[in-house]
Protein backbone atom coordinates (compact mmCIF):
# COMPACT_ATOMS: atom_id res chain seq x y z
CA MET A 1 164.40 303.70 308.99
CA ASN A 2 165.90 302.19 305.83
CA GLN A 3 169.66 302.34 306.41
CA VAL A 4 170.39 300.39 303.25
CA SER A 5 169.22 303.19 300.91
CA SER A 6 171.75 305.53 302.53
CA THR A 7 174.59 302.97 302.29
CA ASP A 8 176.39 301.45 299.31
CA VAL A 9 176.30 297.69 299.86
CA MET A 10 178.46 294.86 298.53
CA TYR A 11 177.57 291.28 299.31
CA CYS A 12 180.23 288.97 300.80
CA GLU A 13 180.04 286.61 297.84
CA THR A 14 180.87 289.47 295.48
CA PHE A 15 183.65 290.79 297.72
CA LEU A 16 185.22 287.34 297.84
CA GLY A 17 184.71 286.79 294.10
CA LEU A 18 186.61 290.02 293.34
CA GLN A 19 189.51 288.65 295.39
CA VAL A 20 189.93 291.91 297.27
CA PRO A 21 192.61 291.45 299.96
CA LEU A 22 190.98 291.09 303.38
CA ASP A 23 193.20 293.88 304.74
CA GLN A 24 191.07 296.24 302.59
CA LEU A 25 188.09 295.34 304.80
CA ARG A 26 187.88 297.74 307.75
CA PRO A 27 185.94 296.87 310.92
CA HIS A 28 182.38 298.10 311.37
CA GLU A 29 180.15 297.29 314.32
CA GLY A 30 176.48 296.48 313.95
CA CYS A 31 174.15 295.55 311.15
CA LEU A 32 172.10 297.31 308.49
CA VAL A 33 168.33 297.36 308.59
CA GLY A 34 166.49 297.32 305.26
CA PHE A 35 163.11 298.76 304.30
CA THR A 36 161.34 295.49 305.16
CA GLY A 37 163.05 295.28 308.56
CA ASP A 38 165.58 292.66 307.43
CA HIS A 39 168.86 292.81 309.33
CA MET A 40 172.10 292.31 307.40
CA GLU A 41 175.26 291.43 309.30
CA VAL A 42 178.06 293.87 308.37
CA GLN A 43 181.48 292.24 307.94
CA GLY A 44 183.17 295.62 307.55
CA TYR A 45 183.59 298.32 304.92
CA ALA A 46 185.94 298.77 301.99
CA ASP A 47 186.76 301.80 299.84
CA LEU A 48 186.94 300.55 296.23
CA ARG A 49 187.11 302.21 292.83
CA ILE A 50 184.25 301.53 290.45
CA THR A 51 184.46 302.39 286.77
CA PHE A 52 181.48 302.87 284.47
CA LEU A 53 182.32 302.41 280.80
CA ASP A 54 180.55 302.92 277.52
CA LYS A 55 181.96 303.31 274.02
CA HIS A 56 183.20 306.88 274.54
CA VAL A 57 183.11 307.66 278.26
CA THR A 58 184.77 306.36 281.41
CA ILE A 59 183.64 307.53 284.84
CA THR A 60 185.54 306.32 287.93
CA ILE A 61 184.64 307.06 291.54
CA VAL A 62 185.67 305.66 294.93
CA VAL A 63 182.80 304.01 296.76
CA ARG A 64 182.65 303.06 300.44
CA TYR A 65 180.88 299.70 300.44
CA MET A 66 179.46 298.10 303.54
CA VAL A 67 180.23 294.41 303.01
CA VAL A 68 177.26 292.44 304.33
CA ASN A 69 176.76 288.80 305.15
CA ALA A 70 173.41 288.20 303.47
CA PRO A 71 172.32 286.15 300.47
CA SER A 72 171.48 288.04 297.31
CA SER A 73 171.20 287.51 293.60
CA TYR A 74 172.65 291.03 293.24
CA ASN A 75 176.38 291.77 293.43
CA LEU A 76 176.12 295.19 295.03
CA LEU A 77 173.74 298.06 295.62
CA LEU A 78 174.71 301.58 294.59
CA GLU A 79 172.58 303.80 296.75
CA ARG A 80 172.31 307.48 297.63
CA PRO A 81 175.98 308.17 298.48
CA SER A 82 177.29 307.05 295.07
CA LEU A 83 174.26 308.17 293.09
CA ASN A 84 174.69 311.65 294.57
CA LYS A 85 178.44 311.62 293.88
CA LEU A 86 177.68 310.72 290.24
CA LYS A 87 174.78 313.22 290.08
CA ALA A 88 172.86 310.24 288.71
CA VAL A 89 169.13 310.09 288.13
CA PRO A 90 167.93 306.49 288.48
CA SER A 91 164.55 305.14 287.41
CA SER A 92 163.75 301.72 288.83
CA TYR A 93 160.60 301.62 286.70
CA HIS A 94 162.55 302.14 283.46
CA LYS A 95 165.63 300.25 284.75
CA LYS A 96 167.85 303.10 283.56
CA VAL A 97 170.23 305.65 285.06
CA LYS A 98 171.11 309.02 283.56
CA LEU A 99 174.56 310.44 284.31
CA PRO A 100 175.56 314.03 283.43
CA LEU A 101 179.02 314.54 281.97
CA LEU A 102 181.31 317.55 282.39
CA GLU A 103 180.79 318.53 278.75
CA GLY A 104 177.07 319.10 279.40
CA LYS A 105 176.07 315.80 277.81
CA VAL A 106 173.97 313.14 279.50
CA ILE A 107 174.50 309.43 279.05
CA THR A 108 171.80 306.87 279.73
CA LEU A 109 172.72 303.47 281.10
CA LYS A 110 170.27 300.61 280.96
CA VAL A 111 170.05 297.03 282.15
CA ASP A 112 168.53 293.96 280.60
CA LYS A 113 164.98 293.96 282.02
CA LYS A 114 164.66 290.15 281.92
CA ILE A 115 167.88 289.66 283.92
CA ALA A 116 166.85 292.37 286.38
CA GLN A 117 163.49 290.66 286.92
CA LYS A 118 165.18 287.28 287.51
CA CYS A 119 167.54 288.86 290.07
CA TYR A 120 164.63 290.50 291.87
CA GLU A 121 162.60 287.27 291.99
CA SER A 122 165.64 285.32 293.18
CA SER A 123 166.35 287.87 295.92
CA LEU A 124 162.80 287.47 297.22
CA ARG A 125 163.21 283.67 297.40
CA ASN A 126 166.65 283.71 299.07
CA ARG A 127 166.49 286.67 301.44
CA ARG A 128 166.79 284.83 304.77
CA GLY A 129 169.96 282.64 304.47
CA MET A 130 173.43 283.59 305.75
CA TYR A 131 176.95 282.47 304.80
CA MET A 132 180.52 282.87 306.04
CA VAL A 133 183.42 285.05 304.82
CA ALA A 134 186.65 283.34 303.71
CA THR A 135 190.18 284.70 303.09
CA THR A 136 191.34 285.63 299.56
CA HIS A 137 193.75 288.00 297.76
CA GLY A 138 193.45 290.30 294.72
CA VAL A 139 192.95 293.79 293.34
CA PRO A 140 190.38 296.25 294.80
CA ASP A 141 188.91 297.49 291.50
CA ILE A 142 185.50 296.94 289.99
CA GLU A 143 184.82 297.55 286.33
CA ILE A 144 181.32 297.65 284.89
CA ASN A 145 180.69 297.76 281.15
CA LEU A 146 177.47 299.63 280.53
CA VAL A 147 175.43 299.85 277.37
CA PRO A 148 174.30 303.38 276.52
CA ASP A 149 170.62 303.69 275.69
CA THR A 150 170.46 304.63 272.00
CA GLU A 151 166.70 304.26 271.57
CA ARG A 152 165.03 307.25 270.00
CA ARG A 153 162.06 308.51 271.95
CA PRO A 154 159.56 311.23 271.24
CA GLY A 155 160.50 314.57 272.69
CA PRO A 156 158.38 317.47 273.92
CA VAL A 157 156.32 319.29 271.34
CA GLY A 158 155.72 323.00 271.08
CA ARG A 159 152.50 324.55 272.29
CA SER A 160 149.86 324.76 269.64
CA GLU A 161 148.58 328.20 268.69
CA ARG A 162 144.82 328.71 268.99
């Protein structure tokens, strides 16, 4: 079973880098098991606000992150709980996420494909090391600036009459 896909994950290095007060980290027993069978030591969980921004829209949700003690070139993994809360439709192939808005509009968020590829390759090289958690202080907010996808693509065409 892949527990990671059903859990929002933040890596210790990211948690520490955000300077979230350690009293925000609640105890959690056990570890997470990934798709490949890798075990990740859970340091605890934290409920943090995450804000997605583009030029015209701000979406903020509270995410329960499992803070894990595992090396990664990623900062965090937004998985099913948050994607469902956002009603998001992700495409790992296209490296994009579509988010519906209350007004009936849909925004498309995309990542830089070259950076994503480098992170993926780095995560494959570094997946076995572990590191320790240290004490720090700060604010439990995460803010992500996202670039809306403005590329024009062909749309569906009407059926031809025969």
